[in-house]
PDB file of N, CA and C in Angstrom:
ATOM      1  N   MET A   1       0.221  22.051  -4.592  1.00  0.00           N
ATOM      2  CA  MET A   1      -0.854  21.534  -5.421  1.00  0.00           C
ATOM      3  C   MET A   1      -0.621  20.056  -5.680  1.00  0.00           C
ATOM      4  N   SER A   2      -1.626  19.288  -5.579  1.00  0.00           N
ATOM      5  CA  SER A   2      -1.541  17.843  -5.764  1.00  0.00           C
ATOM      6  C   SER A   2      -1.564  17.481  -7.240  1.00  0.00           C
ATOM      7  N   ASN A   3      -0.932  16.360  -7.565  1.00  0.00           N
ATOM      8  CA  ASN A   3      -0.971  15.898  -8.941  1.00  0.00           C
ATOM      9  C   ASN A   3      -2.115  14.916  -9.170  1.00  0.00           C
ATOM     10  N   LEU A   4      -3.024  14.817  -8.194  1.00  0.00           N
ATOM     11  CA  LEU A   4      -4.195  13.956  -8.337  1.00  0.00           C
ATOM     12  C   LEU A   4      -5.211  14.611  -9.268  1.00  0.00           C
ATOM     13  N   PRO A   5      -5.935  13.815 -10.042  1.00  0.00           N
ATOM     14  CA  PRO A   5      -6.981  14.393 -10.885  1.00  0.00           C
ATOM     15  C   PRO A   5      -8.133  14.907 -10.037  1.00  0.00           C
ATOM     16  N   ASP A   6      -8.909  15.799 -10.603  1.00  0.00           N
ATOM     17  CA  ASP A   6     -10.073  16.340  -9.916  1.00  0.00           C
ATOM     18  C   ASP A   6     -11.046  15.208  -9.642  1.00  0.00           C
ATOM     19  N   PRO A   7     -11.384  14.939  -8.352  1.00  0.00           N
ATOM     20  CA  PRO A   7     -12.275  13.821  -8.022  1.00  0.00           C
ATOM     21  C   PRO A   7     -13.653  13.931  -8.668  1.00  0.00           C
ATOM     22  N   GLN A   8     -14.150  15.150  -8.878  1.00  0.00           N
ATOM     23  CA  GLN A   8     -15.463  15.311  -9.485  1.00  0.00           C
ATOM     24  C   GLN A   8     -15.442  14.996 -10.977  1.00  0.00           C
ATOM     25  N   ALA A   9     -14.261  15.056 -11.587  1.00  0.00           N
ATOM     26  CA  ALA A   9     -14.141  14.802 -13.024  1.00  0.00           C
ATOM     27  C   ALA A   9     -13.994  13.317 -13.334  1.00  0.00           C
ATOM     28  N   LEU A  10     -13.992  12.491 -12.316  1.00  0.00           N
ATOM     29  CA  LEU A  10     -13.802  11.057 -12.505  1.00  0.00           C
ATOM     30  C   LEU A  10     -15.054  10.298 -12.088  1.00  0.00           C
ATOM     31  N   PRO A  11     -16.031  10.156 -12.965  1.00  0.00           N
ATOM     32  CA  PRO A  11     -17.281   9.506 -12.590  1.00  0.00           C
ATOM     33  C   PRO A  11     -17.115   8.023 -12.278  1.00  0.00           C
ATOM     34  N   GLU A  12     -16.007   7.388 -12.732  1.00  0.00           N
ATOM     35  CA  GLU A  12     -15.838   5.963 -12.474  1.00  0.00           C
ATOM     36  C   GLU A  12     -15.413   5.669 -11.036  1.00  0.00           C
ATOM     37  N   LEU A  13     -15.009   6.693 -10.281  1.00  0.00           N
ATOM     38  CA  LEU A  13     -14.666   6.488  -8.886  1.00  0.00           C
ATOM     39  C   LEU A  13     -15.940   6.383  -8.054  1.00  0.00           C
ATOM     40  N   ASN A  14     -15.921   5.508  -7.050  1.00  0.00           N
ATOM     41  CA  ASN A  14     -17.071   5.466  -6.160  1.00  0.00           C
ATOM     42  C   ASN A  14     -16.944   6.589  -5.130  1.00  0.00           C
ATOM     43  N   ARG A  15     -17.962   6.754  -4.331  1.00  0.00           N
ATOM     44  CA  ARG A  15     -18.011   7.880  -3.402  1.00  0.00           C
ATOM     45  C   ARG A  15     -16.832   7.864  -2.431  1.00  0.00           C
ATOM     46  N   SER A  16     -16.468   6.707  -1.887  1.00  0.00           N
ATOM     47  CA  SER A  16     -15.368   6.656  -0.919  1.00  0.00           C
ATOM     48  C   SER A  16     -14.038   6.996  -1.574  1.00  0.00           C
ATOM     49  N   GLU A  17     -13.833   6.578  -2.827  1.00  0.00           N
ATOM     50  CA  GLU A  17     -12.600   6.915  -3.532  1.00  0.00           C
ATOM     51  C   GLU A  17     -12.534   8.413  -3.821  1.00  0.00           C
ATOM     52  N   LYS A  18     -13.671   9.020  -4.157  1.00  0.00           N
ATOM     53  CA  LYS A  18     -13.701  10.462  -4.391  1.00  0.00           C
ATOM     54  C   LYS A  18     -13.358  11.216  -3.110  1.00  0.00           C
ATOM     55  N   LEU A  19     -13.930  10.796  -1.976  1.00  0.00           N
ATOM     56  CA  LEU A  19     -13.658  11.462  -0.716  1.00  0.00           C
ATOM     57  C   LEU A  19     -12.196  11.314  -0.331  1.00  0.00           C
ATOM     58  N   ALA A  20     -11.606  10.134  -0.566  1.00  0.00           N
ATOM     59  CA  ALA A  20     -10.197   9.926  -0.266  1.00  0.00           C
ATOM     60  C   ALA A  20      -9.328  10.817  -1.138  1.00  0.00           C
ATOM     61  N   ALA A  21      -9.670  10.949  -2.420  1.00  0.00           N
ATOM     62  CA  ALA A  21      -8.906  11.821  -3.322  1.00  0.00           C
ATOM     63  C   ALA A  21      -9.033  13.273  -2.886  1.00  0.00           C
ATOM     64  N   GLN A  22     -10.228  13.674  -2.464  1.00  0.00           N
ATOM     65  CA  GLN A  22     -10.425  15.047  -2.013  1.00  0.00           C
ATOM     66  C   GLN A  22      -9.612  15.327  -0.758  1.00  0.00           C
ATOM     67  N   SER A  23      -9.576  14.367   0.173  1.00  0.00           N
ATOM     68  CA  SER A  23      -8.825  14.590   1.402  1.00  0.00           C
ATOM     69  C   SER A  23      -7.333  14.650   1.099  1.00  0.00           C
ATOM     70  N   SER A  24      -6.843  13.839   0.144  1.00  0.00           N
ATOM     71  CA  SER A  24      -5.434  13.896  -0.236  1.00  0.00           C
ATOM     72  C   SER A  24      -5.117  15.223  -0.897  1.00  0.00           C
ATOM     73  N   GLU A  25      -6.051  15.704  -1.697  1.00  0.00           N
ATOM     74  CA  GLU A  25      -5.873  16.965  -2.410  1.00  0.00           C
ATOM     75  C   GLU A  25      -5.679  18.113  -1.425  1.00  0.00           C
ATOM     76  N   ARG A  26      -6.347  18.037  -0.281  1.00  0.00           N
ATOM     77  CA  ARG A  26      -6.258  19.099   0.725  1.00  0.00           C
ATOM     78  C   ARG A  26      -5.097  18.885   1.689  1.00  0.00           C
ATOM     79  N   GLY A  27      -4.309  17.814   1.474  1.00  0.00           N
ATOM     80  CA  GLY A  27      -3.162  17.570   2.341  1.00  0.00           C
ATOM     81  C   GLY A  27      -3.485  16.739   3.564  1.00  0.00           C
ATOM     82  N   ARG A  28      -4.689  16.246   3.687  1.00  0.00           N
ATOM     83  CA  ARG A  28      -5.056  15.400   4.827  1.00  0.00           C
ATOM     84  C   ARG A  28      -4.835  13.953   4.418  1.00  0.00           C
ATOM     85  N   THR A  29      -3.659  13.430   4.677  1.00  0.00           N
ATOM     86  CA  THR A  29      -3.341  12.093   4.178  1.00  0.00           C
ATOM     87  C   THR A  29      -3.739  10.969   5.132  1.00  0.00           C
ATOM     88  N   ARG A  30      -4.275  11.273   6.287  1.00  0.00           N
ATOM     89  CA  ARG A  30      -4.635  10.231   7.245  1.00  0.00           C
ATOM     90  C   ARG A  30      -6.134  10.042   7.407  1.00  0.00           C
ATOM     91  N   LYS A  31      -6.940  10.761   6.658  1.00  0.00           N
ATOM     92  CA  LYS A  31      -8.390  10.657   6.790  1.00  0.00           C
ATOM     93  C   LYS A  31      -8.865   9.281   6.342  1.00  0.00           C
ATOM     94  N   VAL A  32      -9.744   8.697   7.112  1.00  0.00           N
ATOM     95  CA  VAL A  32     -10.294   7.389   6.791  1.00  0.00           C
ATOM     96  C   VAL A  32     -11.738   7.573   6.354  1.00  0.00           C
ATOM     97  N   VAL A  33     -12.100   6.928   5.271  1.00  0.00           N
ATOM     98  CA  VAL A  33     -13.451   7.025   4.730  1.00  0.00           C
ATOM     99  C   VAL A  33     -14.045   5.634   4.723  1.00  0.00           C
ATOM    100  N   VAL A  34     -15.227   5.480   5.298  1.00  0.00           N
ATOM    101  CA  VAL A  34     -15.914   4.191   5.294  1.00  0.00           C
ATOM    102  C   VAL A  34     -17.198   4.349   4.505  1.00  0.00           C
ATOM    103  N   ARG A  35     -17.388   3.480   3.510  1.00  0.00           N
ATOM    104  CA  ARG A  35     -18.601   3.509   2.703  1.00  0.00           C
ATOM    105  C   ARG A  35     -19.514   2.406   3.211  1.00  0.00           C
ATOM    106  N   ALA A  36     -20.725   2.765   3.537  1.00  0.00           N
ATOM    107  CA  ALA A  36     -21.688   1.762   3.990  1.00  0.00           C
ATOM    108  C   ALA A  36     -22.021   0.833   2.834  1.00  0.00           C
ATOM    109  N   SER A  37     -22.089  -0.456   3.115  1.00  0.00           N
ATOM    110  CA  SER A  37     -22.401  -1.411   2.055  1.00  0.00           C
ATOM    111  C   SER A  37     -23.887  -1.377   1.739  1.00  0.00           C
ATOM    112  N   THR A  38     -24.221  -1.771   0.527  1.00  0.00           N
ATOM    113  CA  THR A  38     -25.617  -1.763   0.107  1.00  0.00           C
ATOM    114  C   THR A  38     -26.314  -3.067   0.445  1.00  0.00           C
ATOM    115  N   SER A  39     -25.577  -4.093   0.704  1.00  0.00           N
ATOM    116  CA  SER A  39     -26.143  -5.395   1.022  1.00  0.00           C
ATOM    117  C   SER A  39     -25.725  -5.796   2.431  1.00  0.00           C
ATOM    118  N   SER A  40     -26.551  -6.545   3.109  1.00  0.00           N
ATOM    119  CA  SER A  40     -26.235  -6.927   4.481  1.00  0.00           C
ATOM    120  C   SER A  40     -25.072  -7.918   4.552  1.00  0.00           C
ATOM    121  N   ASN A  41     -24.763  -8.653   3.469  1.00  0.00           N
ATOM    122  CA  ASN A  41     -23.647  -9.596   3.524  1.00  0.00           C
ATOM    123  C   ASN A  41     -22.342  -9.009   2.991  1.00  0.00           C
ATOM    124  N   GLU A  42     -22.306  -7.741   2.593  1.00  0.00           N
ATOM    125  CA  GLU A  42     -21.065  -7.107   2.170  1.00  0.00           C
ATOM    126  C   GLU A  42     -20.421  -6.421   3.363  1.00  0.00           C
ATOM    127  N   ARG A  43     -19.081  -6.510   3.418  1.00  0.00           N
ATOM    128  CA  ARG A  43     -18.351  -5.780   4.454  1.00  0.00           C
ATOM    129  C   ARG A  43     -18.150  -4.351   3.982  1.00  0.00           C
ATOM    130  N   PRO A  44     -18.114  -3.377   4.903  1.00  0.00           N
ATOM    131  CA  PRO A  44     -17.884  -1.998   4.479  1.00  0.00           C
ATOM    132  C   PRO A  44     -16.502  -1.852   3.857  1.00  0.00           C
ATOM    133  N   VAL A  45     -16.380  -0.950   2.901  1.00  0.00           N
ATOM    134  CA  VAL A  45     -15.112  -0.677   2.246  1.00  0.00           C
ATOM    135  C   VAL A  45     -14.411   0.422   3.021  1.00  0.00           C
ATOM    136  N   ILE A  46     -13.188   0.165   3.454  1.00  0.00           N
ATOM    137  CA  ILE A  46     -12.414   1.154   4.196  1.00  0.00           C
ATOM    138  C   ILE A  46     -11.290   1.633   3.284  1.00  0.00           C
ATOM    139  N   THR A  47     -11.255   2.917   3.029  1.00  0.00           N
ATOM    140  CA  THR A  47     -10.227   3.497   2.185  1.00  0.00           C
ATOM    141  C   THR A  47      -9.451   4.512   3.002  1.00  0.00           C
ATOM    142  N   THR A  48      -8.138   4.416   2.996  1.00  0.00           N
ATOM    143  CA  THR A  48      -7.317   5.398   3.679  1.00  0.00           C
ATOM    144  C   THR A  48      -6.422   6.063   2.654  1.00  0.00           C
ATOM    145  N   ALA A  49      -6.346   7.369   2.728  1.00  0.00           N
ATOM    146  CA  ALA A  49      -5.560   8.110   1.745  1.00  0.00           C
ATOM    147  C   ALA A  49      -4.072   7.901   1.947  1.00  0.00           C
ATOM    148  N   GLY A  50      -3.632   7.692   3.180  1.00  0.00           N
ATOM    149  CA  GLY A  50      -2.209   7.533   3.464  1.00  0.00           C
ATOM    150  C   GLY A  50      -1.793   6.090   3.611  1.00  0.00           C
ATOM    151  N   ALA A  51      -2.667   5.165   3.267  1.00  0.00           N
ATOM    152  CA  ALA A  51      -2.357   3.751   3.420  1.00  0.00           C
ATOM    153  C   ALA A  51      -3.085   2.947   2.362  1.00  0.00           C
ATOM    154  N   MET A  52      -2.732   1.674   2.246  1.00  0.00           N
ATOM    155  CA  MET A  52      -3.389   0.778   1.290  1.00  0.00           C
ATOM    156  C   MET A  52      -3.556  -0.585   1.924  1.00  0.00           C
ATOM    157  N   GLY A  53      -4.528  -1.331   1.433  1.00  0.00           N
ATOM    158  CA  GLY A  53      -4.740  -2.685   1.899  1.00  0.00           C
ATOM    159  C   GLY A  53      -3.724  -3.637   1.289  1.00  0.00           C
ATOM    160  N   VAL A  54      -3.737  -4.866   1.764  1.00  0.00           N
ATOM    161  CA  VAL A  54      -2.803  -5.878   1.288  1.00  0.00           C
ATOM    162  C   VAL A  54      -2.982  -6.125  -0.213  1.00  0.00           C
ATOM    163  N   ALA A  55      -4.222  -6.271  -0.667  1.00  0.00           N
ATOM    164  CA  ALA A  55      -4.465  -6.542  -2.092  1.00  0.00           C
ATOM    165  C   ALA A  55      -3.983  -5.381  -2.958  1.00  0.00           C
ATOM    166  N   GLU A  56      -4.248  -4.142  -2.529  1.00  0.00           N
ATOM    167  CA  GLU A  56      -3.798  -2.981  -3.297  1.00  0.00           C
ATOM    168  C   GLU A  56      -2.274  -2.902  -3.337  1.00  0.00           C
ATOM    169  N   PHE A  57      -1.629  -3.191  -2.202  1.00  0.00           N
ATOM    170  CA  PHE A  57      -0.163  -3.183  -2.161  1.00  0.00           C
ATOM    171  C   PHE A  57       0.398  -4.216  -3.135  1.00  0.00           C
ATOM    172  N   CYS A  58      -0.166  -5.420  -3.101  1.00  0.00           N
ATOM    173  CA  CYS A  58       0.316  -6.488  -3.986  1.00  0.00           C
ATOM    174  C   CYS A  58       0.132  -6.111  -5.459  1.00  0.00           C
ATOM    175  N   ARG A  59      -1.001  -5.505  -5.791  1.00  0.00           N
ATOM    176  CA  ARG A  59      -1.222  -5.051  -7.175  1.00  0.00           C
ATOM    177  C   ARG A  59      -0.260  -3.932  -7.549  1.00  0.00           C
ATOM    178  N   SER A  60      -0.082  -2.973  -6.654  1.00  0.00           N
ATOM    179  CA  SER A  60       0.757  -1.802  -6.943  1.00  0.00           C
ATOM    180  C   SER A  60       2.221  -2.162  -7.130  1.00  0.00           C
ATOM    181  N   TYR A  61       2.710  -3.106  -6.343  1.00  0.00           N
ATOM    182  CA  TYR A  61       4.132  -3.443  -6.378  1.00  0.00           C
ATOM    183  C   TYR A  61       4.409  -4.776  -7.066  1.00  0.00           C
ATOM    184  N   CYS A  62       3.389  -5.358  -7.673  1.00  0.00           N
ATOM    185  CA  CYS A  62       3.530  -6.588  -8.475  1.00  0.00           C
ATOM    186  C   CYS A  62       4.209  -7.717  -7.709  1.00  0.00           C
ATOM    187  N   ILE A  63       3.758  -7.937  -6.483  1.00  0.00           N
ATOM    188  CA  ILE A  63       4.252  -9.073  -5.713  1.00  0.00           C
ATOM    189  C   ILE A  63       3.050  -9.845  -5.188  1.00  0.00           C
ATOM    190  N   GLY A  64       3.275 -11.080  -4.819  1.00  0.00           N
ATOM    191  CA  GLY A  64       2.209 -11.915  -4.276  1.00  0.00           C
ATOM    192  C   GLY A  64       2.107 -11.762  -2.767  1.00  0.00           C
ATOM    193  N   ARG A  65       1.018 -12.275  -2.235  1.00  0.00           N
ATOM    194  CA  ARG A  65       0.793 -12.196  -0.791  1.00  0.00           C
ATOM    195  C   ARG A  65       1.865 -12.947  -0.012  1.00  0.00           C
ATOM    196  N   THR A  66       2.317 -14.082  -0.550  1.00  0.00           N
ATOM    197  CA  THR A  66       3.345 -14.871   0.139  1.00  0.00           C
ATOM    198  C   THR A  66       4.631 -14.061   0.275  1.00  0.00           C
ATOM    199  N   LYS A  67       5.041 -13.388  -0.803  1.00  0.00           N
ATOM    200  CA  LYS A  67       6.246 -12.548  -0.764  1.00  0.00           C
ATOM    201  C   LYS A  67       6.047 -11.388   0.197  1.00  0.00           C
ATOM    202  N   LEU A  68       4.860 -10.781   0.183  1.00  0.00           N
ATOM    203  CA  LEU A  68       4.556  -9.681   1.098  1.00  0.00           C
ATOM    204  C   LEU A  68       4.759 -10.124   2.542  1.00  0.00           C
ATOM    205  N   TYR A  69       4.148 -11.243   2.921  1.00  0.00           N
ATOM    206  CA  TYR A  69       4.258 -11.697   4.303  1.00  0.00           C
ATOM    207  C   TYR A  69       5.675 -12.169   4.631  1.00  0.00           C
ATOM    208  N   GLY A  70       6.433 -12.617   3.635  1.00  0.00           N
ATOM    209  CA  GLY A  70       7.844 -12.940   3.835  1.00  0.00           C
ATOM    210  C   GLY A  70       8.649 -11.687   4.165  1.00  0.00           C
ATOM    211  N   GLU A  71       8.353 -10.596   3.485  1.00  0.00           N
ATOM    212  CA  GLU A  71       9.019  -9.318   3.751  1.00  0.00           C
ATOM    213  C   GLU A  71       8.659  -8.808   5.149  1.00  0.00           C
ATOM    214  N   VAL A  72       7.417  -9.019   5.556  1.00  0.00           N
ATOM    215  CA  VAL A  72       6.986  -8.608   6.901  1.00  0.00           C
ATOM    216  C   VAL A  72       7.729  -9.437   7.944  1.00  0.00           C
ATOM    217  N   LYS A  73       7.781 -10.753   7.742  1.00  0.00           N
ATOM    218  CA  LYS A  73       8.455 -11.646   8.695  1.00  0.00           C
ATOM    219  C   LYS A  73       9.936 -11.315   8.816  1.00  0.00           C
ATOM    220  N   ALA A  74      10.555 -10.910   7.701  1.00  0.00           N
ATOM    221  CA  ALA A  74      11.973 -10.553   7.708  1.00  0.00           C
ATOM    222  C   ALA A  74      12.212  -9.171   8.325  1.00  0.00           C
ATOM    223  N   GLY A  75      11.135  -8.436   8.623  1.00  0.00           N
ATOM    224  CA  GLY A  75      11.264  -7.130   9.262  1.00  0.00           C
ATOM    225  C   GLY A  75      11.527  -5.987   8.293  1.00  0.00           C
ATOM    226  N   ARG A  76      11.360  -6.227   7.001  1.00  0.00           N
ATOM    227  CA  ARG A  76      11.621  -5.186   6.009  1.00  0.00           C
ATOM    228  C   ARG A  76      10.385  -4.347   5.684  1.00  0.00           C
ATOM    229  N   LEU A  77       9.219  -4.807   6.107  1.00  0.00           N
ATOM    230  CA  LEU A  77       7.970  -4.103   5.824  1.00  0.00           C
ATOM    231  C   LEU A  77       7.073  -4.213   7.050  1.00  0.00           C
ATOM    232  N   ARG A  78       6.370  -3.113   7.353  1.00  0.00           N
ATOM    233  CA  ARG A  78       5.528  -3.081   8.556  1.00  0.00           C
ATOM    234  C   ARG A  78       4.057  -3.015   8.188  1.00  0.00           C
ATOM    235  N   LEU A  79       3.263  -3.882   8.800  1.00  0.00           N
ATOM    236  CA  LEU A  79       1.815  -3.869   8.629  1.00  0.00           C
ATOM    237  C   LEU A  79       1.187  -3.155   9.814  1.00  0.00           C
ATOM    238  N   ARG A  80      -0.001  -2.628   9.588  1.00  0.00           N
ATOM    239  CA  ARG A  80      -0.778  -1.989  10.660  1.00  0.00           C
ATOM    240  C   ARG A  80      -2.196  -2.529  10.581  1.00  0.00           C
ATOM    241  N   LYS A  81      -2.946  -2.379  11.650  1.00  0.00           N
ATOM    242  CA  LYS A  81      -4.338  -2.813  11.680  1.00  0.00           C
ATOM    243  C   LYS A  81      -5.236  -1.603  11.858  1.00  0.00           C
ATOM    244  N   LEU A  82      -6.329  -1.605  11.096  1.00  0.00           N
ATOM    245  CA  LEU A  82      -7.375  -0.600  11.229  1.00  0.00           C
ATOM    246  C   LEU A  82      -8.653  -1.402  11.401  1.00  0.00           C
ATOM    247  N   GLY A  83      -9.025  -1.626  12.650  1.00  0.00           N
ATOM    248  CA  GLY A  83     -10.125  -2.548  12.918  1.00  0.00           C
ATOM    249  C   GLY A  83      -9.667  -3.944  12.530  1.00  0.00           C
ATOM    250  N   SER A  84     -10.402  -4.582  11.646  1.00  0.00           N
ATOM    251  CA  SER A  84     -10.001  -5.923  11.204  1.00  0.00           C
ATOM    252  C   SER A  84      -9.205  -5.880   9.899  1.00  0.00           C
ATOM    253  N   LYS A  85      -9.050  -4.686   9.312  1.00  0.00           N
ATOM    254  CA  LYS A  85      -8.352  -4.559   8.032  1.00  0.00           C
ATOM    255  C   LYS A  85      -6.854  -4.377   8.255  1.00  0.00           C
ATOM    256  N   THR A  86      -6.058  -5.121   7.512  1.00  0.00           N
ATOM    257  CA  THR A  86      -4.610  -4.979   7.543  1.00  0.00           C
ATOM    258  C   THR A  86      -4.219  -3.963   6.484  1.00  0.00           C
ATOM    259  N   ILE A  87      -3.474  -2.944   6.893  1.00  0.00           N
ATOM    260  CA  ILE A  87      -3.072  -1.891   5.962  1.00  0.00           C
ATOM    261  C   ILE A  87      -1.565  -1.687   6.015  1.00  0.00           C
ATOM    262  N   ILE A  88      -1.054  -1.035   4.973  1.00  0.00           N
ATOM    263  CA  ILE A  88       0.359  -0.681   4.880  1.00  0.00           C
ATOM    264  C   ILE A  88       0.410   0.809   4.587  1.00  0.00           C
ATOM    265  N   ALA A  89       1.112   1.552   5.414  1.00  0.00           N
ATOM    266  CA  ALA A  89       1.253   2.988   5.190  1.00  0.00           C
ATOM    267  C   ALA A  89       2.022   3.207   3.891  1.00  0.00           C
ATOM    268  N   ARG A  90       1.578   4.182   3.112  1.00  0.00           N
ATOM    269  CA  ARG A  90       2.264   4.461   1.841  1.00  0.00           C
ATOM    270  C   ARG A  90       3.723   4.838   2.082  1.00  0.00           C
ATOM    271  N   SER A  91       4.001   5.526   3.175  1.00  0.00           N
ATOM    272  CA  SER A  91       5.393   5.882   3.484  1.00  0.00           C
ATOM    273  C   SER A  91       6.223   4.627   3.755  1.00  0.00           C
ATOM    274  N   ASP A  92       5.641   3.637   4.453  1.00  0.00           N
ATOM    275  CA  ASP A  92       6.349   2.367   4.692  1.00  0.00           C
ATOM    276  C   ASP A  92       6.570   1.617   3.386  1.00  0.00           C
ATOM    277  N   ALA A  93       5.564   1.656   2.492  1.00  0.00           N
ATOM    278  CA  ALA A  93       5.682   0.970   1.205  1.00  0.00           C
ATOM    279  C   ALA A  93       6.793   1.603   0.369  1.00  0.00           C
ATOM    280  N   GLU A  94       6.854   2.925   0.335  1.00  0.00           N
ATOM    281  CA  GLU A  94       7.898   3.608  -0.430  1.00  0.00           C
ATOM    282  C   GLU A  94       9.275   3.350   0.166  1.00  0.00           C
ATOM    283  N   GLU A  95       9.362   3.344   1.494  1.00  0.00           N
ATOM    284  CA  GLU A  95      10.625   3.057   2.172  1.00  0.00           C
ATOM    285  C   GLU A  95      11.096   1.642   1.828  1.00  0.00           C
ATOM    286  N   TRP A  96      10.161   0.687   1.839  1.00  0.00           N
ATOM    287  CA  TRP A  96      10.490  -0.695   1.474  1.00  0.00           C
ATOM    288  C   TRP A  96      10.998  -0.758   0.036  1.00  0.00           C
ATOM    289  N   LEU A  97      10.298  -0.102  -0.880  1.00  0.00           N
ATOM    290  CA  LEU A  97      10.685  -0.118  -2.286  1.00  0.00           C
ATOM    291  C   LEU A  97      12.079   0.479  -2.480  1.00  0.00           C
ATOM    292  N   ASN A  98      12.355   1.591  -1.814  1.00  0.00           N
ATOM    293  CA  ASN A  98      13.649   2.250  -1.952  1.00  0.00           C
ATOM    294  C   ASN A  98      14.777   1.445  -1.317  1.00  0.00           C
ATOM    295  N   SER A  99      14.452   0.542  -0.395  1.00  0.00           N
ATOM    296  CA  SER A  99      15.489  -0.276   0.251  1.00  0.00           C
ATOM    297  C   SER A  99      15.895  -1.492  -0.582  1.00  0.00           C
ATOM    298  N   LEU A 100      15.124  -1.797  -1.634  1.00  0.00           N
ATOM    299  CA  LEU A 100      15.450  -2.950  -2.485  1.00  0.00           C
ATOM    300  C   LEU A 100      16.714  -2.664  -3.286  1.00  0.00           C
ATOM    301  N   PRO A 101      17.508  -3.705  -3.532  1.00  0.00           N
ATOM    302  CA  PRO A 101      18.736  -3.487  -4.313  1.00  0.00           C
ATOM    303  C   PRO A 101      18.394  -3.199  -5.782  1.00  0.00           C
ATOM    304  N   PRO A 102      19.267  -2.477  -6.474  1.00  0.00           N
ATOM    305  CA  PRO A 102      19.014  -2.206  -7.888  1.00  0.00           C
ATOM    306  C   PRO A 102      19.116  -3.485  -8.711  1.00  0.00           C
ATOM    307  N   ALA A 103      18.434  -3.504  -9.822  1.00  0.00           N
ATOM    308  CA  ALA A 103      18.484  -4.670 -10.716  1.00  0.00           C
ATOM    309  C   ALA A 103      19.858  -4.737 -11.369  1.00  0.00           C
ATOM    310  N   MET A 104      20.316  -5.952 -11.607  1.00  0.00           N
ATOM    311  CA  MET A 104      21.590  -6.156 -12.268  1.00  0.00           C
ATOM    312  C   MET A 104      21.420  -5.975 -13.765  1.00  0.00           C
ATOM    313  N   PRO A 105      22.333  -5.260 -14.426  1.00  0.00           N
ATOM    314  CA  PRO A 105      22.216  -5.103 -15.867  1.00  0.00           C
ATOM    315  C   PRO A 105      22.425  -6.450 -16.579  1.00  0.00           C
ATOM    316  N   THR A 106      21.716  -6.633 -17.667  1.00  0.00           N
ATOM    317  CA  THR A 106      21.835  -7.907 -18.404  1.00  0.00           C
ATOM    318  C   THR A 106      22.767  -7.790 -19.580  1.00  0.00           C
TER     319      THR A 106
END
C-alpha cells in the first residue's frame, strides 16, 4: 500500500498530477503523463512518477541549478532526457543524497 494521499481527495492537484499519483499508487512508477496546454504558447506539462524535472529536484533537495550541474559534471548525479525535458530519476536522486557525507556536529 502506498503512503500517497488519495488523488481524488486532493482537489488542488491538476489532472496530470492526479494521474501520476494514481499510477504511483498502483506501483507503475514509470508512467508518463502529458497534459495538453490550454494556450498555444504554453508548453505541455510532462510529469513522470518515477522522475522529476530539474526545478523540482532543486526545490526538493534545496540546491541551486549551478550546484546541480556541478554534481552532474563531477559524475555524482545522472540526468536523463525525455524529449526536450531534462529529468532525474528518483532512484538516482536518492542514491545521490545517500552518497553525501554526514554533517559535522557543531
